[in-house]
Amino acid sequence: MSGLEAASGRNGICATAILMSAGFFLSSAGRGVTAPNRLIVLVYAGTVSLAIGLVSLRIGLLAA
């Protein structure tokens, strides 16, 4: 596995945990909030990060 695939796999999957958690908690923070605010975009960014991390991990494992 090359360095780029390994780094994007490791960092992408770790960033997913941070981005999705932050998105869930920060989008519902505040008083009287009944709908998510704009920070819900962090959940979608976490999903993209997970997809990139898993694809690069799969490419790296198949190429090995």
N, C-alpha and C. Protein backbone atom coordinates (compact mmCIF):
# COMPACT_ATOMS: atom_id res chain seq x y z
N MET A 1 0.85 -1.17 0.00
CA MET A 1 0.00 0.00 0.00
C MET A 1 0.90 1.23 0.00
N SER A 2 0.63 2.16 -0.90
CA SER A 2 1.46 3.36 -0.97
C SER A 2 1.13 4.30 0.20
N GLY A 3 1.99 5.26 0.37
CA GLY A 3 1.83 6.19 1.49
C GLY A 3 0.58 7.03 1.40
N LEU A 4 0.22 7.44 0.18
CA LEU A 4 -0.97 8.29 0.01
C LEU A 4 -2.25 7.53 0.34
N GLU A 5 -2.36 6.30 -0.12
CA GLU A 5 -3.56 5.51 0.17
C GLU A 5 -3.67 5.18 1.65
N ALA A 6 -2.54 4.87 2.26
CA ALA A 6 -2.56 4.55 3.68
C ALA A 6 -2.95 5.77 4.51
N ALA A 7 -2.40 6.92 4.16
CA ALA A 7 -2.69 8.14 4.92
C ALA A 7 -4.15 8.56 4.75
N SER A 8 -4.66 8.50 3.51
CA SER A 8 -6.05 8.91 3.31
C SER A 8 -7.02 7.91 3.95
N GLY A 9 -6.65 6.64 3.99
CA GLY A 9 -7.48 5.65 4.66
C GLY A 9 -7.53 5.87 6.15
N ARG A 10 -6.38 6.07 6.75
CA ARG A 10 -6.32 6.30 8.20
C ARG A 10 -6.99 7.60 8.59
N ASN A 11 -6.62 8.68 7.93
CA ASN A 11 -7.15 9.99 8.30
C ASN A 11 -8.62 10.14 7.95
N GLY A 12 -9.04 9.53 6.85
CA GLY A 12 -10.44 9.65 6.45
C GLY A 12 -11.38 8.97 7.43
N ILE A 13 -10.99 7.81 7.89
CA ILE A 13 -11.86 7.08 8.82
C ILE A 13 -11.85 7.74 10.20
N CYS A 14 -10.70 8.26 10.62
CA CYS A 14 -10.65 8.97 11.91
C CYS A 14 -11.43 10.28 11.86
N ALA A 15 -11.33 10.98 10.74
CA ALA A 15 -12.05 12.25 10.59
C ALA A 15 -13.56 12.03 10.58
N THR A 16 -13.98 10.87 10.11
CA THR A 16 -15.41 10.56 10.08
C THR A 16 -16.02 10.60 11.48
N ALA A 17 -15.34 10.00 12.42
CA ALA A 17 -15.87 9.97 13.79
C ALA A 17 -16.01 11.38 14.35
N ILE A 18 -15.06 12.23 14.07
CA ILE A 18 -15.10 13.61 14.57
C ILE A 18 -16.18 14.41 13.86
N LEU A 19 -16.22 14.33 12.53
CA LEU A 19 -17.16 15.14 11.76
C LEU A 19 -18.61 14.75 12.02
N MET A 20 -18.89 13.46 12.05
CA MET A 20 -20.28 13.04 12.25
C MET A 20 -20.76 13.36 13.66
N SER A 21 -19.92 13.14 14.65
CA SER A 21 -20.31 13.48 16.03
C SER A 21 -20.54 14.98 16.18
N ALA A 22 -19.62 15.75 15.64
CA ALA A 22 -19.76 17.21 15.72
C ALA A 22 -21.02 17.67 15.00
N GLY A 23 -21.30 17.08 13.86
CA GLY A 23 -22.50 17.46 13.11
C GLY A 23 -23.78 17.19 13.87
N PHE A 24 -23.86 16.02 14.48
CA PHE A 24 -25.07 15.68 15.24
C PHE A 24 -25.26 16.59 16.44
N PHE A 25 -24.18 16.84 17.18
CA PHE A 25 -24.32 17.62 18.41
C PHE A 25 -24.44 19.12 18.13
N LEU A 26 -23.65 19.65 17.22
CA LEU A 26 -23.67 21.09 16.97
C LEU A 26 -24.89 21.54 16.18
N SER A 27 -25.46 20.66 15.37
CA SER A 27 -26.64 21.07 14.60
C SER A 27 -27.88 21.14 15.47
N SER A 28 -27.84 20.56 16.65
CA SER A 28 -29.01 20.62 17.52
C SER A 28 -28.75 21.43 18.79
N ALA A 29 -27.65 22.15 18.83
CA ALA A 29 -27.32 22.95 20.02
C ALA A 29 -28.15 24.23 20.04
N GLY A 30 -28.50 24.64 21.23
CA GLY A 30 -29.23 25.89 21.41
C GLY A 30 -30.56 25.67 22.08
N ARG A 31 -31.16 26.76 22.46
CA ARG A 31 -32.46 26.70 23.12
C ARG A 31 -33.59 26.70 22.12
N GLY A 32 -34.55 25.86 22.36
CA GLY A 32 -35.75 25.85 21.53
C GLY A 32 -35.52 25.46 20.09
N VAL A 33 -34.48 24.71 19.83
CA VAL A 33 -34.19 24.30 18.46
C VAL A 33 -35.12 23.16 18.08
N THR A 34 -35.85 23.32 16.99
CA THR A 34 -36.76 22.28 16.53
C THR A 34 -36.34 21.67 15.20
N ALA A 35 -35.36 22.29 14.56
CA ALA A 35 -34.85 21.76 13.29
C ALA A 35 -33.33 21.96 13.28
N PRO A 36 -32.61 21.12 12.58
CA PRO A 36 -31.16 21.26 12.55
C PRO A 36 -30.73 22.54 11.85
N ASN A 37 -29.63 23.11 12.31
CA ASN A 37 -29.11 24.31 11.68
C ASN A 37 -28.11 23.94 10.58
N ARG A 38 -27.36 24.90 10.09
CA ARG A 38 -26.47 24.68 8.96
C ARG A 38 -25.30 23.75 9.26
N LEU A 39 -25.02 23.50 10.50
CA LEU A 39 -23.90 22.63 10.84
C LEU A 39 -24.20 21.16 10.58
N ILE A 40 -25.40 20.85 10.12
CA ILE A 40 -25.73 19.48 9.73
C ILE A 40 -24.87 19.06 8.54
N VAL A 41 -24.30 20.02 7.86
CA VAL A 41 -23.42 19.74 6.72
C VAL A 41 -22.19 18.94 7.17
N LEU A 42 -21.83 19.01 8.45
CA LEU A 42 -20.71 18.23 8.96
C LEU A 42 -21.00 16.73 8.91
N VAL A 43 -22.25 16.35 9.04
CA VAL A 43 -22.61 14.93 8.93
C VAL A 43 -22.36 14.44 7.50
N TYR A 44 -22.74 15.26 6.53
CA TYR A 44 -22.50 14.88 5.14
C TYR A 44 -21.01 14.87 4.81
N ALA A 45 -20.26 15.80 5.38
CA ALA A 45 -18.81 15.80 5.18
C ALA A 45 -18.19 14.55 5.79
N GLY A 46 -18.71 14.10 6.91
CA GLY A 46 -18.24 12.86 7.53
C GLY A 46 -18.54 11.65 6.67
N THR A 47 -19.69 11.67 6.01
CA THR A 47 -20.05 10.57 5.11
C THR A 47 -19.10 10.51 3.92
N VAL A 48 -18.78 11.66 3.36
CA VAL A 48 -17.83 11.71 2.24
C VAL A 48 -16.45 11.27 2.71
N SER A 49 -16.05 11.68 3.88
CA SER A 49 -14.76 11.29 4.42
C SER A 49 -14.69 9.78 4.63
N LEU A 50 -15.76 9.18 5.10
CA LEU A 50 -15.80 7.73 5.28
C LEU A 50 -15.70 7.02 3.94
N ALA A 51 -16.41 7.51 2.95
CA ALA A 51 -16.38 6.88 1.63
C ALA A 51 -14.99 6.96 1.02
N ILE A 52 -14.34 8.10 1.11
CA ILE A 52 -12.99 8.25 0.56
C ILE A 52 -12.01 7.36 1.31
N GLY A 53 -12.13 7.30 2.61
CA GLY A 53 -11.24 6.46 3.40
C GLY A 53 -11.40 4.98 3.09
N LEU A 54 -12.64 4.54 2.94
CA LEU A 54 -12.87 3.12 2.66
C LEU A 54 -12.47 2.74 1.24
N VAL A 55 -12.70 3.62 0.29
CA VAL A 55 -12.30 3.33 -1.08
C VAL A 55 -10.78 3.27 -1.19
N SER A 56 -10.08 4.20 -0.56
CA SER A 56 -8.62 4.17 -0.62
C SER A 56 -8.06 2.95 0.12
N LEU A 57 -8.71 2.54 1.18
CA LEU A 57 -8.29 1.35 1.89
C LEU A 57 -8.49 0.11 1.02
N ARG A 58 -9.60 0.06 0.33
CA ARG A 58 -9.86 -1.09 -0.55
C ARG A 58 -8.87 -1.14 -1.71
N ILE A 59 -8.59 0.00 -2.30
CA ILE A 59 -7.62 0.05 -3.39
C ILE A 59 -6.25 -0.40 -2.89
N GLY A 60 -5.88 0.06 -1.73
CA GLY A 60 -4.59 -0.31 -1.17
C GLY A 60 -4.49 -1.79 -0.86
N LEU A 61 -5.56 -2.37 -0.36
CA LEU A 61 -5.54 -3.79 -0.03
C LEU A 61 -5.57 -4.67 -1.28
N LEU A 62 -6.28 -4.24 -2.30
CA LEU A 62 -6.34 -5.01 -3.53
C LEU A 62 -5.03 -4.92 -4.32
N ALA A 63 -4.34 -3.80 -4.19
CA ALA A 63 -3.09 -3.62 -4.92
C ALA A 63 -1.92 -4.33 -4.25
N ALA A 64 -2.09 -4.70 -2.99
CA ALA A 64 -0.99 -5.33 -2.25
C ALA A 64 -0.79 -6.77 -2.63
